PDB file of N, CA and C in Angstrom:
ATOM      1  N   UNK A   1       0.832  -1.174   0.000  1.00  0.00           N
ATOM      2  CA  UNK A   1       0.000   0.000   0.000  1.00  0.00           C
ATOM      3  C   UNK A   1       0.885   1.249   0.000  1.00  0.00           C
ATOM      4  N   UNK A   2       0.638   2.150  -0.885  1.00  0.00           N
ATOM      5  CA  UNK A   2       1.428   3.380  -0.964  1.00  0.00           C
ATOM      6  C   UNK A   2       0.948   4.379   0.088  1.00  0.00           C
ATOM      7  N   UNK A   3       1.871   5.158   0.594  1.00  0.00           N
ATOM      8  CA  UNK A   3       1.548   6.184   1.576  1.00  0.00           C
ATOM      9  C   UNK A   3       1.803   7.558   0.978  1.00  0.00           C
ATOM     10  N   UNK A   4       0.993   8.538   1.401  1.00  0.00           N
ATOM     11  CA  UNK A   4       1.165   9.928   0.984  1.00  0.00           C
ATOM     12  C   UNK A   4       1.091  10.817   2.212  1.00  0.00           C
ATOM     13  N   UNK A   5       1.681  11.982   2.105  1.00  0.00           N
ATOM     14  CA  UNK A   5       1.642  12.963   3.185  1.00  0.00           C
ATOM     15  C   UNK A   5       0.666  14.054   2.779  1.00  0.00           C
ATOM     16  N   UNK A   6      -0.334  14.283   3.618  1.00  0.00           N
ATOM     17  CA  UNK A   6      -1.389  15.246   3.315  1.00  0.00           C
ATOM     18  C   UNK A   6      -0.990  16.653   3.737  1.00  0.00           C
ATOM     19  N   UNK A   7      -1.880  17.593   3.457  1.00  0.00           N
ATOM     20  CA  UNK A   7      -1.646  18.990   3.826  1.00  0.00           C
ATOM     21  C   UNK A   7      -1.668  19.216   5.334  1.00  0.00           C
ATOM     22  N   UNK A   8      -2.024  18.199   6.098  1.00  0.00           N
ATOM     23  CA  UNK A   8      -1.993  18.295   7.564  1.00  0.00           C
ATOM     24  C   UNK A   8      -0.559  18.291   8.093  1.00  0.00           C
ATOM     25  N   UNK A   9       0.416  18.015   7.241  1.00  0.00           N
ATOM     26  CA  UNK A   9       1.827  17.964   7.622  1.00  0.00           C
ATOM     27  C   UNK A   9       2.278  19.304   8.190  1.00  0.00           C
ATOM     28  N   UNK A  10       2.930  19.245   9.348  1.00  0.00           N
ATOM     29  CA  UNK A  10       3.441  20.448  10.003  1.00  0.00           C
ATOM     30  C   UNK A  10       4.952  20.616   9.799  1.00  0.00           C
ATOM     31  N   UNK A  11       5.540  19.784   8.957  1.00  0.00           N
ATOM     32  CA  UNK A  11       6.978  19.817   8.651  1.00  0.00           C
ATOM     33  C   UNK A  11       7.852  19.640   9.890  1.00  0.00           C
ATOM     34  N   UNK A  12       7.427  18.761  10.790  1.00  0.00           N
ATOM     35  CA  UNK A  12       8.186  18.517  12.015  1.00  0.00           C
ATOM     36  C   UNK A  12       9.384  17.598  11.789  1.00  0.00           C
ATOM     37  N   UNK A  13       9.368  16.849  10.684  1.00  0.00           N
ATOM     38  CA  UNK A  13      10.456  15.944  10.281  1.00  0.00           C
ATOM     39  C   UNK A  13      10.552  14.666  11.114  1.00  0.00           C
ATOM     40  N   UNK A  14       9.593  14.384  11.946  1.00  0.00           N
ATOM     41  CA  UNK A  14       9.606  13.151  12.721  1.00  0.00           C
ATOM     42  C   UNK A  14       9.621  11.936  11.799  1.00  0.00           C
ATOM     43  N   UNK A  15       8.884  11.998  10.718  1.00  0.00           N
ATOM     44  CA  UNK A  15       8.804  10.873   9.780  1.00  0.00           C
ATOM     45  C   UNK A  15      10.140  10.599   9.096  1.00  0.00           C
ATOM     46  N   UNK A  16      10.902  11.641   8.844  1.00  0.00           N
ATOM     47  CA  UNK A  16      12.199  11.491   8.175  1.00  0.00           C
ATOM     48  C   UNK A  16      13.113  10.599   9.004  1.00  0.00           C
ATOM     49  N   UNK A  17      13.121  10.818  10.307  1.00  0.00           N
ATOM     50  CA  UNK A  17      13.969  10.038  11.207  1.00  0.00           C
ATOM     51  C   UNK A  17      13.527   8.577  11.295  1.00  0.00           C
ATOM     52  N   UNK A  18      12.261   8.303  11.056  1.00  0.00           N
ATOM     53  CA  UNK A  18      11.728   6.945  11.155  1.00  0.00           C
ATOM     54  C   UNK A  18      11.844   6.152   9.859  1.00  0.00           C
ATOM     55  N   UNK A  19      12.068   6.833   8.733  1.00  0.00           N
ATOM     56  CA  UNK A  19      12.084   6.156   7.439  1.00  0.00           C
ATOM     57  C   UNK A  19      13.411   5.438   7.211  1.00  0.00           C
ATOM     58  N   UNK A  20      13.353   4.110   7.159  1.00  0.00           N
ATOM     59  CA  UNK A  20      14.560   3.288   7.007  1.00  0.00           C
ATOM     60  C   UNK A  20      15.160   3.365   5.607  1.00  0.00           C
ATOM     61  N   UNK A  21      14.355   3.760   4.621  1.00  0.00           N
ATOM     62  CA  UNK A  21      14.853   3.787   3.247  1.00  0.00           C
ATOM     63  C   UNK A  21      15.197   5.192   2.756  1.00  0.00           C
ATOM     64  N   UNK A  22      14.954   6.205   3.581  1.00  0.00           N
ATOM     65  CA  UNK A  22      15.246   7.577   3.173  1.00  0.00           C
ATOM     66  C   UNK A  22      14.300   8.088   2.102  1.00  0.00           C
ATOM     67  N   UNK A  23      13.086   7.567   2.089  1.00  0.00           N
ATOM     68  CA  UNK A  23      12.121   7.924   1.050  1.00  0.00           C
ATOM     69  C   UNK A  23      11.411   9.250   1.297  1.00  0.00           C
ATOM     70  N   UNK A  24      11.581   9.821   2.475  1.00  0.00           N
ATOM     71  CA  UNK A  24      10.863  11.049   2.809  1.00  0.00           C
ATOM     72  C   UNK A  24      11.821  12.229   2.790  1.00  0.00           C
ATOM     73  N   UNK A  25      11.391  13.296   2.121  1.00  0.00           N
ATOM     74  CA  UNK A  25      12.215  14.495   2.032  1.00  0.00           C
ATOM     75  C   UNK A  25      11.336  15.737   2.114  1.00  0.00           C
ATOM     76  N   UNK A  26      11.978  16.869   2.352  1.00  0.00           N
ATOM     77  CA  UNK A  26      11.252  18.124   2.456  1.00  0.00           C
ATOM     78  C   UNK A  26      10.780  18.560   1.081  1.00  0.00           C
ATOM     79  N   UNK A  27       9.506  18.869   0.992  1.00  0.00           N
ATOM     80  CA  UNK A  27       8.931  19.333  -0.259  1.00  0.00           C
ATOM     81  C   UNK A  27       8.548  20.799  -0.149  1.00  0.00           C
ATOM     82  N   UNK A  28       7.645  21.215  -0.981  1.00  0.00           N
ATOM     83  CA  UNK A  28       7.189  22.601  -1.007  1.00  0.00           C
ATOM     84  C   UNK A  28       6.058  22.789   0.002  1.00  0.00           C
ATOM     85  N   UNK A  29       6.392  23.180   1.212  1.00  0.00           N
ATOM     86  CA  UNK A  29       5.405  23.416   2.250  1.00  0.00           C
ATOM     87  C   UNK A  29       5.050  22.212   3.102  1.00  0.00           C
ATOM     88  N   UNK A  30       5.469  21.035   2.688  1.00  0.00           N
ATOM     89  CA  UNK A  30       5.243  19.819   3.466  1.00  0.00           C
ATOM     90  C   UNK A  30       6.245  18.767   3.004  1.00  0.00           C
ATOM     91  N   UNK A  31       6.365  17.704   3.749  1.00  0.00           N
ATOM     92  CA  UNK A  31       7.264  16.622   3.359  1.00  0.00           C
ATOM     93  C   UNK A  31       6.584  15.737   2.318  1.00  0.00           C
ATOM     94  N   UNK A  32       7.387  15.034   1.537  1.00  0.00           N
ATOM     95  CA  UNK A  32       6.861  14.166   0.484  1.00  0.00           C
ATOM     96  C   UNK A  32       7.533  12.803   0.558  1.00  0.00           C
ATOM     97  N   UNK A  33       6.851  11.790   0.038  1.00  0.00           N
ATOM     98  CA  UNK A  33       7.368  10.423   0.026  1.00  0.00           C
ATOM     99  C   UNK A  33       7.691  10.034  -1.414  1.00  0.00           C
ATOM    100  N   UNK A  34       8.915   9.584  -1.623  1.00  0.00           N
ATOM    101  CA  UNK A  34       9.329   9.057  -2.926  1.00  0.00           C
ATOM    102  C   UNK A  34       8.770   7.647  -3.026  1.00  0.00           C
ATOM    103  N   UNK A  35       7.759   7.468  -3.853  1.00  0.00           N
ATOM    104  CA  UNK A  35       7.073   6.179  -3.954  1.00  0.00           C
ATOM    105  C   UNK A  35       7.997   5.060  -4.435  1.00  0.00           C
ATOM    106  N   UNK A  36       8.990   5.385  -5.235  1.00  0.00           N
ATOM    107  CA  UNK A  36       9.924   4.364  -5.719  1.00  0.00           C
ATOM    108  C   UNK A  36      10.842   3.854  -4.612  1.00  0.00           C
ATOM    109  N   UNK A  37      11.129   4.698  -3.626  1.00  0.00           N
ATOM    110  CA  UNK A  37      12.028   4.324  -2.535  1.00  0.00           C
ATOM    111  C   UNK A  37      11.285   3.781  -1.310  1.00  0.00           C
ATOM    112  N   UNK A  38       9.998   4.041  -1.230  1.00  0.00           N
ATOM    113  CA  UNK A  38       9.207   3.646  -0.064  1.00  0.00           C
ATOM    114  C   UNK A  38       9.074   2.123   0.018  1.00  0.00           C
ATOM    115  N   UNK A  39       9.348   1.578   1.209  1.00  0.00           N
ATOM    116  CA  UNK A  39       9.225   0.136   1.450  1.00  0.00           C
ATOM    117  C   UNK A  39       7.824  -0.233   1.954  1.00  0.00           C
ATOM    118  N   UNK A  40       6.962   0.771   2.111  1.00  0.00           N
ATOM    119  CA  UNK A  40       5.589   0.579   2.561  1.00  0.00           C
ATOM    120  C   UNK A  40       5.503  -0.124   3.912  1.00  0.00           C
ATOM    121  N   UNK A  41       6.432   0.195   4.805  1.00  0.00           N
ATOM    122  CA  UNK A  41       6.477  -0.450   6.122  1.00  0.00           C
ATOM    123  C   UNK A  41       5.514   0.179   7.125  1.00  0.00           C
ATOM    124  N   UNK A  42       5.135   1.448   6.920  1.00  0.00           N
ATOM    125  CA  UNK A  42       4.202   2.115   7.818  1.00  0.00           C
ATOM    126  C   UNK A  42       4.822   2.763   9.040  1.00  0.00           C
ATOM    127  N   UNK A  43       6.137   2.726   9.169  1.00  0.00           N
ATOM    128  CA  UNK A  43       6.782   3.331  10.337  1.00  0.00           C
ATOM    129  C   UNK A  43       6.505   4.832  10.410  1.00  0.00           C
ATOM    130  N   UNK A  44       6.444   5.480   9.279  1.00  0.00           N
ATOM    131  CA  UNK A  44       6.188   6.920   9.243  1.00  0.00           C
ATOM    132  C   UNK A  44       4.777   7.248   9.727  1.00  0.00           C
ATOM    133  N   UNK A  45       3.826   6.382   9.391  1.00  0.00           N
ATOM    134  CA  UNK A  45       2.438   6.581   9.810  1.00  0.00           C
ATOM    135  C   UNK A  45       2.354   6.570  11.329  1.00  0.00           C
ATOM    136  N   UNK A  46       3.000   5.594  11.938  1.00  0.00           N
ATOM    137  CA  UNK A  46       2.982   5.473  13.397  1.00  0.00           C
ATOM    138  C   UNK A  46       3.699   6.630  14.074  1.00  0.00           C
ATOM    139  N   UNK A  47       4.715   7.189  13.425  1.00  0.00           N
ATOM    140  CA  UNK A  47       5.518   8.249  14.024  1.00  0.00           C
ATOM    141  C   UNK A  47       4.917   9.637  13.880  1.00  0.00           C
ATOM    142  N   UNK A  48       4.082   9.850  12.895  1.00  0.00           N
ATOM    143  CA  UNK A  48       3.571  11.192  12.604  1.00  0.00           C
ATOM    144  C   UNK A  48       2.622  11.680  13.692  1.00  0.00           C
ATOM    145  N   UNK A  49       3.001  12.770  14.403  1.00  0.00           N
ATOM    146  CA  UNK A  49       2.155  13.261  15.493  1.00  0.00           C
ATOM    147  C   UNK A  49       0.881  13.965  15.019  1.00  0.00           C
ATOM    148  N   UNK A  50       0.850  14.395  13.754  1.00  0.00           N
ATOM    149  CA  UNK A  50      -0.341  15.101  13.273  1.00  0.00           C
ATOM    150  C   UNK A  50      -1.247  14.217  12.421  1.00  0.00           C
ATOM    151  N   UNK A  51      -0.883  12.962  12.238  1.00  0.00           N
ATOM    152  CA  UNK A  51      -1.716  12.055  11.459  1.00  0.00           C
ATOM    153  C   UNK A  51      -1.793  12.420   9.989  1.00  0.00           C
ATOM    154  N   UNK A  52      -0.738  13.049   9.490  1.00  0.00           N
ATOM    155  CA  UNK A  52      -0.739  13.554   8.120  1.00  0.00           C
ATOM    156  C   UNK A  52      -0.371  12.510   7.082  1.00  0.00           C
ATOM    157  N   UNK A  53       0.077  11.333   7.493  1.00  0.00           N
ATOM    158  CA  UNK A  53       0.474  10.304   6.537  1.00  0.00           C
ATOM    159  C   UNK A  53      -0.623   9.250   6.473  1.00  0.00           C
ATOM    160  N   UNK A  54      -1.114   9.034   5.260  1.00  0.00           N
ATOM    161  CA  UNK A  54      -2.234   8.114   5.061  1.00  0.00           C
ATOM    162  C   UNK A  54      -1.932   7.147   3.924  1.00  0.00           C
ATOM    163  N   UNK A  55      -2.691   6.058   3.870  1.00  0.00           N
ATOM    164  CA  UNK A  55      -2.585   5.120   2.749  1.00  0.00           C
ATOM    165  C   UNK A  55      -3.277   5.747   1.555  1.00  0.00           C
ATOM    166  N   UNK A  56      -2.649   5.603   0.398  1.00  0.00           N
ATOM    167  CA  UNK A  56      -3.204   6.180  -0.825  1.00  0.00           C
ATOM    168  C   UNK A  56      -4.233   5.250  -1.425  1.00  0.00           C
TER     169      UNK A  56
END
C-alpha cells in the first residue's frame, strides 16, 4: 500500500527520522514520500504526530 503525506503535515520531520529507506524528504510546504524508494512499512504513519500520513 502506498503512503502519501497530506496537507496536515506540520513539517516537524519526525517521519524522516523513522524512514529506514530515506524515502521522505522536504517538499514545497510539506514533506513528500518518494514512492519508488518507499518500502511501505508504515513506520512513518505510526511516528507522525499530526496524522498527516495516510494510505493512498
